[in-house]
């Protein structure tokens, strides 16, 4: 795989375009961009900010960063949609390697150098690593614990870590620009899961998607129950869209949350109507949540907070998956 990929695209030049689709990221954008500009990368580097219609001063911060450093380029993303912003940023980029970063993420100073090296050595079309969730408040720290544990999100390597090797998908990613363009870019029908869907098409086209745990990206989790619930509800809805469009891409990890929702609701309903014995499945799940919280939590506060966090993540994802309508991704052409 790596040999044919290298033969197809050749050795990459030491030049990287870092792209960020940003919307209402005033709180973290400057910190995120500064972590990119501070990269210890021996080559050309530019930062493309695709800014959506924000109401928190994100555009003002973006233009200030552009004025302070010529390597920063700002493009407008009128729709505010992530996939559209990514495509606009790629179109505005000048270099053959694309590194994706989010406006609420931070990359270590060796990230670009390491990503370039891994991309070159493996011959992959996309390499990525761990979504290293870190929080500052008690709630954010609890969410971060859940996001980095198999008991919270399943055994996905980009959440929990693991050995380097071929993967279905990776967090964010360092791409060969030619490979993205050849498959039509990010599918702008997808509000969420556009990275998973893109990686599926990259693999279908014969490309290698490669996970390496040395690529650590610091991620700030949602800070409220409402925001976390909305995030995971959308994750579930859009993962269902991917499974409908690409048959055979679903597995037990994705089916666990909707199964849990259905089983728990039936358990509570039948237990209240027929017999208390039917409460058993709901009781088993409650014990699991409490046990998982005790295992994951690193302080009394986290142990007490985690049941709410885990329930929110599991139930929201499951409800999103179960209620995902066919109309979510209408049949339109990919971005040219």
C-alpha atoms as a PDB file:
ATOM      1  CA  UNK A   1       0.000   0.000   0.000  1.00  0.00           C
ATOM      2  CA  UNK A   2       2.632   2.522   0.984  1.00  0.00           C
ATOM      3  CA  UNK A   3       4.804   1.760  -2.064  1.00  0.00           C
ATOM      4  CA  UNK A   4       1.977   2.299  -4.552  1.00  0.00           C
ATOM      5  CA  UNK A   5       0.895   5.477  -2.772  1.00  0.00           C
ATOM      6  CA  UNK A   6       4.434   6.919  -2.878  1.00  0.00           C
ATOM      7  CA  UNK A   7       4.711   6.034  -6.550  1.00  0.00           C
ATOM      8  CA  UNK A   8       1.407   7.735  -7.257  1.00  0.00           C
ATOM      9  CA  UNK A   9       2.001  10.990  -5.405  1.00  0.00           C
ATOM     10  CA  UNK A  10       5.785  11.108  -5.031  1.00  0.00           C
ATOM     11  CA  UNK A  11       7.700  12.351  -2.013  1.00  0.00           C
ATOM     12  CA  UNK A  12       5.998  15.380  -0.487  1.00  0.00           C
ATOM     13  CA  UNK A  13       7.670  18.784  -0.436  1.00  0.00           C
ATOM     14  CA  UNK A  14       8.469  20.322   2.937  1.00  0.00           C
ATOM     15  CA  UNK A  15       5.526  22.690   2.850  1.00  0.00           C
ATOM     16  CA  UNK A  16       2.337  22.569   4.876  1.00  0.00           C
ATOM     17  CA  UNK A  17      -0.976  24.408   4.768  1.00  0.00           C
ATOM     18  CA  UNK A  18      -2.749  24.234   8.119  1.00  0.00           C
ATOM     19  CA  UNK A  19      -6.505  24.717   7.689  1.00  0.00           C
ATOM     20  CA  UNK A  20      -9.055  25.613  10.351  1.00  0.00           C
ATOM     21  CA  UNK A  21     -12.833  25.875   9.846  1.00  0.00           C
ATOM     22  CA  UNK A  22     -13.909  28.268  12.619  1.00  0.00           C
ATOM     23  CA  UNK A  23     -17.283  29.409  13.890  1.00  0.00           C
ATOM     24  CA  UNK A  24     -17.812  31.165  17.228  1.00  0.00           C
ATOM     25  CA  UNK A  25     -14.315  30.239  18.406  1.00  0.00           C
ATOM     26  CA  UNK A  26     -13.333  33.569  20.002  1.00  0.00           C
ATOM     27  CA  UNK A  27     -12.522  31.861  23.283  1.00  0.00           C
ATOM     28  CA  UNK A  28      -9.812  29.556  21.905  1.00  0.00           C
ATOM     29  CA  UNK A  29      -8.882  30.729  18.381  1.00  0.00           C
ATOM     30  CA  UNK A  30      -5.861  32.873  19.209  1.00  0.00           C
ATOM     31  CA  UNK A  31      -4.375  30.182  21.433  1.00  0.00           C
ATOM     32  CA  UNK A  32      -4.950  27.582  18.724  1.00  0.00           C
ATOM     33  CA  UNK A  33      -3.373  29.658  15.941  1.00  0.00           C
ATOM     34  CA  UNK A  34      -0.397  30.616  18.106  1.00  0.00           C
ATOM     35  CA  UNK A  35       0.303  26.913  18.701  1.00  0.00           C
ATOM     36  CA  UNK A  36       0.489  26.498  14.917  1.00  0.00           C
ATOM     37  CA  UNK A  37       2.695  29.521  14.282  1.00  0.00           C
ATOM     38  CA  UNK A  38       5.105  28.251  16.957  1.00  0.00           C
ATOM     39  CA  UNK A  39       5.715  24.984  15.085  1.00  0.00           C
ATOM     40  CA  UNK A  40       9.280  23.717  14.867  1.00  0.00           C
ATOM     41  CA  UNK A  41       8.871  22.742  11.239  1.00  0.00           C
ATOM     42  CA  UNK A  42      11.789  22.983   8.828  1.00  0.00           C
ATOM     43  CA  UNK A  43       9.800  24.122   5.838  1.00  0.00           C
ATOM     44  CA  UNK A  44       7.157  26.515   4.523  1.00  0.00           C
ATOM     45  CA  UNK A  45       4.035  26.959   6.640  1.00  0.00           C
ATOM     46  CA  UNK A  46       0.782  28.841   6.190  1.00  0.00           C
ATOM     47  CA  UNK A  47      -2.459  28.972   8.200  1.00  0.00           C
ATOM     48  CA  UNK A  48      -5.817  29.245   6.426  1.00  0.00           C
ATOM     49  CA  UNK A  49      -8.757  30.315   8.592  1.00  0.00           C
ATOM     50  CA  UNK A  50     -12.174  29.668   7.009  1.00  0.00           C
ATOM     51  CA  UNK A  51     -14.383  31.825   9.216  1.00  0.00           C
ATOM     52  CA  UNK A  52     -18.124  31.320   9.373  1.00  0.00           C
ATOM     53  CA  UNK A  53     -20.722  33.959  10.351  1.00  0.00           C
ATOM     54  CA  UNK A  54     -19.893  34.225  14.069  1.00  0.00           C
ATOM     55  CA  UNK A  55     -21.475  36.387  16.758  1.00  0.00           C
ATOM     56  CA  UNK A  56     -18.664  36.354  19.333  1.00  0.00           C
ATOM     57  CA  UNK A  57     -15.927  38.364  17.618  1.00  0.00           C
ATOM     58  CA  UNK A  58     -14.225  35.413  15.908  1.00  0.00           C
ATOM     59  CA  UNK A  59     -13.758  37.297  12.621  1.00  0.00           C
ATOM     60  CA  UNK A  60     -12.173  40.257  14.412  1.00  0.00           C
ATOM     61  CA  UNK A  61      -9.691  37.950  16.136  1.00  0.00           C
ATOM     62  CA  UNK A  62      -8.961  36.164  12.847  1.00  0.00           C
ATOM     63  CA  UNK A  63      -8.255  39.424  10.990  1.00  0.00           C
ATOM     64  CA  UNK A  64      -6.056  40.616  13.854  1.00  0.00           C
ATOM     65  CA  UNK A  65      -4.011  37.418  13.615  1.00  0.00           C
ATOM     66  CA  UNK A  66      -3.729  37.894   9.852  1.00  0.00           C
ATOM     67  CA  UNK A  67      -2.455  41.447  10.337  1.00  0.00           C
ATOM     68  CA  UNK A  68       0.139  40.265  12.862  1.00  0.00           C
ATOM     69  CA  UNK A  69       1.582  37.421  10.752  1.00  0.00           C
ATOM     70  CA  UNK A  70       1.702  37.187   6.946  1.00  0.00           C
ATOM     71  CA  UNK A  71       1.471  33.397   7.154  1.00  0.00           C
ATOM     72  CA  UNK A  72      -2.163  33.681   8.311  1.00  0.00           C
ATOM     73  CA  UNK A  73      -4.820  33.912   5.593  1.00  0.00           C
ATOM     74  CA  UNK A  74      -8.517  34.528   6.300  1.00  0.00           C
ATOM     75  CA  UNK A  75     -11.281  33.377   3.949  1.00  0.00           C
ATOM     76  CA  UNK A  76     -15.002  33.741   4.530  1.00  0.00           C
ATOM     77  CA  UNK A  77     -17.220  30.691   4.872  1.00  0.00           C
ATOM     78  CA  UNK A  78     -20.740  32.131   4.343  1.00  0.00           C
ATOM     79  CA  UNK A  79     -22.580  28.907   5.212  1.00  0.00           C
ATOM     80  CA  UNK A  80     -20.649  28.331   8.430  1.00  0.00           C
ATOM     81  CA  UNK A  81     -20.672  24.595   7.715  1.00  0.00           C
ATOM     82  CA  UNK A  82     -17.502  22.706   8.603  1.00  0.00           C
ATOM     83  CA  UNK A  83     -17.166  20.722   5.364  1.00  0.00           C
ATOM     84  CA  UNK A  84     -17.693  23.846   3.259  1.00  0.00           C
ATOM     85  CA  UNK A  85     -15.103  25.710   5.308  1.00  0.00           C
ATOM     86  CA  UNK A  86     -12.597  22.908   4.865  1.00  0.00           C
ATOM     87  CA  UNK A  87     -13.093  22.908   1.099  1.00  0.00           C
ATOM     88  CA  UNK A  88     -12.743  26.697   0.928  1.00  0.00           C
ATOM     89  CA  UNK A  89      -9.545  26.547   2.979  1.00  0.00           C
ATOM     90  CA  UNK A  90      -8.107  23.801   0.781  1.00  0.00           C
ATOM     91  CA  UNK A  91      -8.939  25.832  -2.340  1.00  0.00           C
ATOM     92  CA  UNK A  92      -7.117  28.834  -0.841  1.00  0.00           C
ATOM     93  CA  UNK A  93      -4.064  26.811   0.203  1.00  0.00           C
ATOM     94  CA  UNK A  94      -0.761  26.922  -1.688  1.00  0.00           C
ATOM     95  CA  UNK A  95       0.977  23.784  -0.448  1.00  0.00           C
ATOM     96  CA  UNK A  96       0.732  20.058  -1.152  1.00  0.00           C
ATOM     97  CA  UNK A  97       0.337  18.873   2.451  1.00  0.00           C
ATOM     98  CA  UNK A  98      -2.833  19.781   4.350  1.00  0.00           C
ATOM     99  CA  UNK A  99      -2.957  19.646   8.148  1.00  0.00           C
ATOM    100  CA  UNK A 100      -6.380  20.100   9.686  1.00  0.00           C
ATOM    101  CA  UNK A 101      -6.738  21.752  13.087  1.00  0.00           C
ATOM    102  CA  UNK A 102      -9.897  22.886  14.887  1.00  0.00           C
ATOM    103  CA  UNK A 103     -10.349  26.300  16.455  1.00  0.00           C
ATOM    104  CA  UNK A 104     -10.691  24.767  19.930  1.00  0.00           C
ATOM    105  CA  UNK A 105      -7.666  22.488  19.580  1.00  0.00           C
ATOM    106  CA  UNK A 106      -3.958  23.019  20.203  1.00  0.00           C
ATOM    107  CA  UNK A 107      -1.070  21.127  18.622  1.00  0.00           C
ATOM    108  CA  UNK A 108       2.353  20.606  20.248  1.00  0.00           C
ATOM    109  CA  UNK A 109       5.356  22.365  18.706  1.00  0.00           C
ATOM    110  CA  UNK A 110       6.607  19.227  16.901  1.00  0.00           C
ATOM    111  CA  UNK A 111       3.230  18.187  15.488  1.00  0.00           C
ATOM    112  CA  UNK A 112       3.721  19.331  11.879  1.00  0.00           C
ATOM    113  CA  UNK A 113       7.266  17.962  11.675  1.00  0.00           C
ATOM    114  CA  UNK A 114       6.186  14.616  13.087  1.00  0.00           C
ATOM    115  CA  UNK A 115       3.073  14.422  10.893  1.00  0.00           C
ATOM    116  CA  UNK A 116       5.137  15.202   7.769  1.00  0.00           C
ATOM    117  CA  UNK A 117       7.681  12.506   8.684  1.00  0.00           C
ATOM    118  CA  UNK A 118       5.018   9.856   9.296  1.00  0.00           C
ATOM    119  CA  UNK A 119       3.187  10.772   6.091  1.00  0.00           C
ATOM    120  CA  UNK A 120       6.399  10.442   4.092  1.00  0.00           C
ATOM    121  CA  UNK A 121       7.585   7.232   5.765  1.00  0.00           C
ATOM    122  CA  UNK A 122       4.260   5.368   5.541  1.00  0.00           C
ATOM    123  CA  UNK A 123       3.153   6.582   2.123  1.00  0.00           C
ATOM    124  CA  UNK A 124      -0.277   7.250   3.623  1.00  0.00           C
ATOM    125  CA  UNK A 125      -2.762   9.739   2.203  1.00  0.00           C
ATOM    126  CA  UNK A 126      -3.794  10.755   5.718  1.00  0.00           C
ATOM    127  CA  UNK A 127      -2.140  10.358   9.116  1.00  0.00           C
ATOM    128  CA  UNK A 128      -3.508  11.352  12.497  1.00  0.00           C
ATOM    129  CA  UNK A 129      -3.337  10.567  16.164  1.00  0.00           C
ATOM    130  CA  UNK A 130      -5.025  11.049  19.497  1.00  0.00           C
ATOM    131  CA  UNK A 131      -7.772  13.498  20.393  1.00  0.00           C
ATOM    132  CA  UNK A 132      -6.275  14.311  23.788  1.00  0.00           C
ATOM    133  CA  UNK A 133      -9.225  15.857  25.595  1.00  0.00           C
ATOM    134  CA  UNK A 134      -8.283  18.149  28.481  1.00  0.00           C
ATOM    135  CA  UNK A 135     -10.586  20.305  30.589  1.00  0.00           C
ATOM    136  CA  UNK A 136     -10.177  23.153  33.044  1.00  0.00           C
ATOM    137  CA  UNK A 137     -13.453  23.064  34.994  1.00  0.00           C
ATOM    138  CA  UNK A 138     -14.708  20.009  36.907  1.00  0.00           C
ATOM    139  CA  UNK A 139     -17.326  19.348  34.241  1.00  0.00           C
ATOM    140  CA  UNK A 140     -14.824  19.666  31.371  1.00  0.00           C
ATOM    141  CA  UNK A 141     -12.340  17.396  33.142  1.00  0.00           C
ATOM    142  CA  UNK A 142     -15.073  14.814  33.653  1.00  0.00           C
ATOM    143  CA  UNK A 143     -16.028  14.970  29.967  1.00  0.00           C
ATOM    144  CA  UNK A 144     -12.359  14.616  29.048  1.00  0.00           C
ATOM    145  CA  UNK A 145     -12.051  11.503  31.247  1.00  0.00           C
ATOM    146  CA  UNK A 146     -15.096   9.978  29.550  1.00  0.00           C
ATOM    147  CA  UNK A 147     -13.855  10.851  26.051  1.00  0.00           C
ATOM    148  CA  UNK A 148     -10.503   9.156  26.663  1.00  0.00           C
ATOM    149  CA  UNK A 149     -11.938   5.936  28.123  1.00  0.00           C
ATOM    150  CA  UNK A 150     -13.342   2.861  26.322  1.00  0.00           C
ATOM    151  CA  UNK A 151     -16.138   2.908  28.921  1.00  0.00           C
ATOM    152  CA  UNK A 152     -17.182   6.303  27.639  1.00  0.00           C
ATOM    153  CA  UNK A 153     -16.661   6.189  23.866  1.00  0.00           C
ATOM    154  CA  UNK A 154     -15.697   2.614  23.021  1.00  0.00           C
ATOM    155  CA  UNK A 155     -12.333   1.333  21.846  1.00  0.00           C
ATOM    156  CA  UNK A 156     -11.600   3.954  19.204  1.00  0.00           C
ATOM    157  CA  UNK A 157      -7.838   4.482  19.035  1.00  0.00           C
ATOM    158  CA  UNK A 158      -8.028   8.204  18.281  1.00  0.00           C
ATOM    159  CA  UNK A 159      -9.851   8.618  21.609  1.00  0.00           C
ATOM    160  CA  UNK A 160      -8.114   6.069  23.802  1.00  0.00           C
ATOM    161  CA  UNK A 161      -4.733   5.519  22.127  1.00  0.00           C
ATOM    162  CA  UNK A 162      -3.177   2.284  20.914  1.00  0.00           C
ATOM    163  CA  UNK A 163      -0.568   0.939  18.558  1.00  0.00           C
ATOM    164  CA  UNK A 164       0.384   2.648  15.310  1.00  0.00           C
ATOM    165  CA  UNK A 165      -1.044   1.227  12.116  1.00  0.00           C
ATOM    166  CA  UNK A 166      -3.732   1.331   9.444  1.00  0.00           C
ATOM    167  CA  UNK A 167      -7.048   2.786  10.643  1.00  0.00           C
ATOM    168  CA  UNK A 168     -10.573   3.453   9.395  1.00  0.00           C
ATOM    169  CA  UNK A 169     -10.348   7.074  10.486  1.00  0.00           C
ATOM    170  CA  UNK A 170      -8.154   9.399  12.542  1.00  0.00           C
ATOM    171  CA  UNK A 171      -8.642  12.650  14.412  1.00  0.00           C
ATOM    172  CA  UNK A 172      -8.245  15.771  12.236  1.00  0.00           C
ATOM    173  CA  UNK A 173      -5.404  14.494  10.018  1.00  0.00           C
ATOM    174  CA  UNK A 174      -2.431  15.401   7.849  1.00  0.00           C
ATOM    175  CA  UNK A 175      -3.391  14.816   4.202  1.00  0.00           C
ATOM    176  CA  UNK A 176      -1.897  14.711   0.754  1.00  0.00           C
ATOM    177  CA  UNK A 177      -3.777  17.499  -1.000  1.00  0.00           C
ATOM    178  CA  UNK A 178      -3.836  15.602  -4.314  1.00  0.00           C
ATOM    179  CA  UNK A 179      -5.669  12.699  -2.687  1.00  0.00           C
ATOM    180  CA  UNK A 180      -8.377  14.956  -1.262  1.00  0.00           C
ATOM    181  CA  UNK A 181      -8.889  16.741  -4.574  1.00  0.00           C
ATOM    182  CA  UNK A 182      -9.041  13.488  -6.538  1.00  0.00           C
ATOM    183  CA  UNK A 183     -12.022  12.201  -4.516  1.00  0.00           C
ATOM    184  CA  UNK A 184     -13.895  15.523  -4.674  1.00  0.00           C
ATOM    185  CA  UNK A 185     -13.018  17.045  -1.313  1.00  0.00           C
ATOM    186  CA  UNK A 186     -15.127  16.958   1.823  1.00  0.00           C
ATOM    187  CA  UNK A 187     -18.790  16.110   1.261  1.00  0.00           C
ATOM    188  CA  UNK A 188     -20.615  19.342   2.077  1.00  0.00           C
ATOM    189  CA  UNK A 189     -23.846  17.473   2.760  1.00  0.00           C
ATOM    190  CA  UNK A 190     -22.356  16.340   6.072  1.00  0.00           C
ATOM    191  CA  UNK A 191     -22.697  18.655   9.076  1.00  0.00           C
ATOM    192  CA  UNK A 192     -20.916  16.068  11.224  1.00  0.00           C
ATOM    193  CA  UNK A 193     -18.882  12.928  10.509  1.00  0.00           C
ATOM    194  CA  UNK A 194     -17.433  14.550   7.384  1.00  0.00           C
ATOM    195  CA  UNK A 195     -13.951  13.392   8.422  1.00  0.00           C
ATOM    196  CA  UNK A 196     -15.065   9.763   8.814  1.00  0.00           C
ATOM    197  CA  UNK A 197     -16.852   9.914   5.472  1.00  0.00           C
ATOM    198  CA  UNK A 198     -13.832  11.446   3.715  1.00  0.00           C
ATOM    199  CA  UNK A 199     -11.497   8.817   5.152  1.00  0.00           C
ATOM    200  CA  UNK A 200     -13.852   6.110   3.919  1.00  0.00           C
ATOM    201  CA  UNK A 201     -13.592   7.459   0.363  1.00  0.00           C
ATOM    202  CA  UNK A 202      -9.822   7.833   0.641  1.00  0.00           C
ATOM    203  CA  UNK A 203      -9.590   4.156   1.608  1.00  0.00           C
ATOM    204  CA  UNK A 204     -12.032   3.135  -1.129  1.00  0.00           C
ATOM    205  CA  UNK A 205      -9.743   4.884  -3.632  1.00  0.00           C
ATOM    206  CA  UNK A 206      -6.831   2.729  -2.447  1.00  0.00           C
ATOM    207  CA  UNK A 207      -5.235   5.162  -0.020  1.00  0.00           C
ATOM    208  CA  UNK A 208      -3.799   4.323   3.378  1.00  0.00           C
ATOM    209  CA  UNK A 209      -5.192   6.083   6.464  1.00  0.00           C
ATOM    210  CA  UNK A 210      -2.659   5.717   9.258  1.00  0.00           C
ATOM    211  CA  UNK A 211      -2.927   6.188  13.023  1.00  0.00           C
ATOM    212  CA  UNK A 212       0.106   7.099  15.131  1.00  0.00           C
ATOM    213  CA  UNK A 213      -0.337   7.774  18.872  1.00  0.00           C
ATOM    214  CA  UNK A 214       2.618  10.173  18.887  1.00  0.00           C
ATOM    215  CA  UNK A 215       0.403  12.728  17.145  1.00  0.00           C
ATOM    216  CA  UNK A 216      -1.344  14.214  20.151  1.00  0.00           C
ATOM    217  CA  UNK A 217      -3.809  17.097  19.706  1.00  0.00           C
ATOM    218  CA  UNK A 218      -5.036  18.912  22.787  1.00  0.00           C
ATOM    219  CA  UNK A 219      -8.825  19.205  22.621  1.00  0.00           C
ATOM    220  CA  UNK A 220     -11.117  21.328  24.806  1.00  0.00           C
ATOM    221  CA  UNK A 221     -14.391  19.489  25.504  1.00  0.00           C
ATOM    222  CA  UNK A 222     -17.810  21.118  25.745  1.00  0.00           C
ATOM    223  CA  UNK A 223     -18.357  23.076  28.948  1.00  0.00           C
ATOM    224  CA  UNK A 224     -22.079  22.500  29.616  1.00  0.00           C
ATOM    225  CA  UNK A 225     -24.545  19.622  29.650  1.00  0.00           C
ATOM    226  CA  UNK A 226     -26.590  21.308  26.912  1.00  0.00           C
ATOM    227  CA  UNK A 227     -23.584  21.719  24.615  1.00  0.00           C
ATOM    228  CA  UNK A 228     -22.383  18.159  25.266  1.00  0.00           C
ATOM    229  CA  UNK A 229     -25.843  16.741  24.614  1.00  0.00           C
ATOM    230  CA  UNK A 230     -26.165  18.631  21.333  1.00  0.00           C
ATOM    231  CA  UNK A 231     -22.688  17.529  20.242  1.00  0.00           C
ATOM    232  CA  UNK A 232     -23.312  13.834  20.824  1.00  0.00           C
ATOM    233  CA  UNK A 233     -26.851  13.949  19.440  1.00  0.00           C
ATOM    234  CA  UNK A 234     -25.400  15.318  16.190  1.00  0.00           C
ATOM    235  CA  UNK A 235     -22.626  12.693  16.256  1.00  0.00           C
ATOM    236  CA  UNK A 236     -25.245   9.952  16.400  1.00  0.00           C
ATOM    237  CA  UNK A 237     -27.437  11.464  13.691  1.00  0.00           C
ATOM    238  CA  UNK A 238     -24.602  11.892  11.236  1.00  0.00           C
ATOM    239  CA  UNK A 239     -22.959   8.538  11.942  1.00  0.00           C
ATOM    240  CA  UNK A 240     -26.281   7.001  10.894  1.00  0.00           C
ATOM    241  CA  UNK A 241     -26.096   8.990   7.642  1.00  0.00           C
ATOM    242  CA  UNK A 242     -22.629   7.553   6.941  1.00  0.00           C
ATOM    243  CA  UNK A 243     -23.880   4.024   7.602  1.00  0.00           C
ATOM    244  CA  UNK A 244     -26.782   4.522   5.187  1.00  0.00           C
ATOM    245  CA  UNK A 245     -24.581   5.902   2.413  1.00  0.00           C
ATOM    246  CA  UNK A 246     -21.723   3.440   2.848  1.00  0.00           C
ATOM    247  CA  UNK A 247     -23.035  -0.040   3.527  1.00  0.00           C
ATOM    248  CA  UNK A 248     -21.002  -2.257   5.822  1.00  0.00           C
ATOM    249  CA  UNK A 249     -19.377   0.600   7.770  1.00  0.00           C
ATOM    250  CA  UNK A 250     -21.338   0.089  10.981  1.00  0.00           C
ATOM    251  CA  UNK A 251     -20.118  -2.067  13.875  1.00  0.00           C
ATOM    252  CA  UNK A 252     -21.083  -2.991  17.426  1.00  0.00           C
ATOM    253  CA  UNK A 253     -19.422   0.116  18.880  1.00  0.00           C
ATOM    254  CA  UNK A 254     -21.799   2.362  16.945  1.00  0.00           C
ATOM    255  CA  UNK A 255     -24.812   0.175  17.676  1.00  0.00           C
ATOM    256  CA  UNK A 256     -24.210   0.083  21.445  1.00  0.00           C
ATOM    257  CA  UNK A 257     -25.723   3.525  22.269  1.00  0.00           C
ATOM    258  CA  UNK A 258     -28.989   3.076  20.299  1.00  0.00           C
ATOM    259  CA  UNK A 259     -29.315  -0.458  21.697  1.00  0.00           C
ATOM    260  CA  UNK A 260     -28.841   0.934  25.196  1.00  0.00           C
ATOM    261  CA  UNK A 261     -31.503   3.619  24.656  1.00  0.00           C
ATOM    262  CA  UNK A 262     -34.077   1.151  23.327  1.00  0.00           C
ATOM    263  CA  UNK A 263     -33.350  -1.480  25.967  1.00  0.00           C
ATOM    264  CA  UNK A 264     -33.431   0.989  28.867  1.00  0.00           C
ATOM    265  CA  UNK A 265     -36.655   2.656  27.738  1.00  0.00           C
ATOM    266  CA  UNK A 266     -38.366  -0.715  27.231  1.00  0.00           C
ATOM    267  CA  UNK A 267     -37.080  -1.864  30.601  1.00  0.00           C
ATOM    268  CA  UNK A 268     -38.502   1.167  32.404  1.00  0.00           C
ATOM    269  CA  UNK A 269     -41.810   0.972  30.536  1.00  0.00           C
ATOM    270  CA  UNK A 270     -42.348  -2.763  30.999  1.00  0.00           C
ATOM    271  CA  UNK A 271     -41.177  -2.599  34.599  1.00  0.00           C
ATOM    272  CA  UNK A 272     -43.787   0.033  35.433  1.00  0.00           C
ATOM    273  CA  UNK A 273     -46.606  -1.658  33.484  1.00  0.00           C
ATOM    274  CA  UNK A 274     -46.012  -5.409  33.709  1.00  0.00           C
ATOM    275  CA  UNK A 275     -43.638  -6.508  36.461  1.00  0.00           C
ATOM    276  CA  UNK A 276     -40.705  -5.065  38.443  1.00  0.00           C
ATOM    277  CA  UNK A 277     -38.532  -7.873  37.046  1.00  0.00           C
ATOM    278  CA  UNK A 278     -38.353  -5.941  33.774  1.00  0.00           C
ATOM    279  CA  UNK A 279     -36.452  -3.168  35.551  1.00  0.00           C
ATOM    280  CA  UNK A 280     -33.407  -5.456  35.557  1.00  0.00           C
ATOM    281  CA  UNK A 281     -31.834  -4.241  32.263  1.00  0.00           C
ATOM    282  CA  UNK A 282     -32.153  -0.602  33.356  1.00  0.00           C
ATOM    283  CA  UNK A 283     -30.659  -1.524  36.725  1.00  0.00           C
ATOM    284  CA  UNK A 284     -27.730  -3.280  35.035  1.00  0.00           C
ATOM    285  CA  UNK A 285     -27.063  -0.170  32.947  1.00  0.00           C
ATOM    286  CA  UNK A 286     -27.244   2.048  36.038  1.00  0.00           C
ATOM    287  CA  UNK A 287     -24.698  -0.179  37.797  1.00  0.00           C
ATOM    288  CA  UNK A 288     -22.477   0.005  34.720  1.00  0.00           C
ATOM    289  CA  UNK A 289     -22.647   3.822  34.723  1.00  0.00           C
ATOM    290  CA  UNK A 290     -21.786   4.030  38.425  1.00  0.00           C
ATOM    291  CA  UNK A 291     -18.992   1.476  38.097  1.00  0.00           C
ATOM    292  CA  UNK A 292     -17.555   3.161  35.024  1.00  0.00           C
ATOM    293  CA  UNK A 293     -17.608   6.518  36.806  1.00  0.00           C
ATOM    294  CA  UNK A 294     -15.689   5.066  39.746  1.00  0.00           C
ATOM    295  CA  UNK A 295     -13.092   3.569  37.390  1.00  0.00           C
ATOM    296  CA  UNK A 296     -12.686   6.606  35.122  1.00  0.00           C
ATOM    297  CA  UNK A 297     -12.825   9.382  37.723  1.00  0.00           C
ATOM    298  CA  UNK A 298      -9.597  10.561  39.320  1.00  0.00           C
ATOM    299  CA  UNK A 299     -11.216  12.592  42.105  1.00  0.00           C
ATOM    300  CA  UNK A 300     -14.388  12.531  44.200  1.00  0.00           C
ATOM    301  CA  UNK A 301     -15.770  15.426  42.168  1.00  0.00           C
ATOM    302  CA  UNK A 302     -15.197  13.617  38.868  1.00  0.00           C
ATOM    303  CA  UNK A 303     -16.725  10.391  40.173  1.00  0.00           C
ATOM    304  CA  UNK A 304     -19.848  12.323  41.185  1.00  0.00           C
ATOM    305  CA  UNK A 305     -19.992  14.249  37.897  1.00  0.00           C
ATOM    306  CA  UNK A 306     -19.277  11.378  35.519  1.00  0.00           C
ATOM    307  CA  UNK A 307     -22.654   9.562  35.763  1.00  0.00           C
ATOM    308  CA  UNK A 308     -24.354  12.637  34.311  1.00  0.00           C
ATOM    309  CA  UNK A 309     -21.643  13.006  31.659  1.00  0.00           C
ATOM    310  CA  UNK A 310     -21.747   9.345  30.607  1.00  0.00           C
ATOM    311  CA  UNK A 311     -25.549   9.252  30.498  1.00  0.00           C
ATOM    312  CA  UNK A 312     -25.602  12.417  28.407  1.00  0.00           C
ATOM    313  CA  UNK A 313     -23.055  11.080  25.932  1.00  0.00           C
ATOM    314  CA  UNK A 314     -24.595   7.607  25.582  1.00  0.00           C
ATOM    315  CA  UNK A 315     -28.258   8.612  25.469  1.00  0.00           C
ATOM    316  CA  UNK A 316     -27.756  11.645  23.218  1.00  0.00           C
ATOM    317  CA  UNK A 317     -25.672   9.640  20.718  1.00  0.00           C
ATOM    318  CA  UNK A 318     -28.216   6.813  20.763  1.00  0.00           C
ATOM    319  CA  UNK A 319     -31.222   9.103  20.298  1.00  0.00           C
ATOM    320  CA  UNK A 320     -29.461  10.918  17.482  1.00  0.00           C
ATOM    321  CA  UNK A 321     -28.742   7.631  15.712  1.00  0.00           C
ATOM    322  CA  UNK A 322     -32.316   6.363  16.159  1.00  0.00           C
ATOM    323  CA  UNK A 323     -34.009   9.571  15.004  1.00  0.00           C
ATOM    324  CA  UNK A 324     -31.665  10.414  12.111  1.00  0.00           C
ATOM    325  CA  UNK A 325     -33.898  11.258   9.105  1.00  0.00           C
ATOM    326  CA  UNK A 326     -33.140  10.324   5.513  1.00  0.00           C
ATOM    327  CA  UNK A 327     -33.406  13.997   4.557  1.00  0.00           C
ATOM    328  CA  UNK A 328     -30.253  14.995   6.485  1.00  0.00           C
ATOM    329  CA  UNK A 329     -27.912  14.644   3.508  1.00  0.00           C
ATOM    330  CA  UNK A 330     -29.759  15.362   0.241  1.00  0.00           C
ATOM    331  CA  UNK A 331     -28.324  13.968  -2.959  1.00  0.00           C
ATOM    332  CA  UNK A 332     -26.176  16.819  -4.250  1.00  0.00           C
ATOM    333  CA  UNK A 333     -22.829  16.743  -5.982  1.00  0.00           C
ATOM    334  CA  UNK A 334     -19.606  16.911  -4.048  1.00  0.00           C
ATOM    335  CA  UNK A 335     -17.615  20.130  -3.994  1.00  0.00           C
ATOM    336  CA  UNK A 336     -15.667  20.299  -7.283  1.00  0.00           C
END
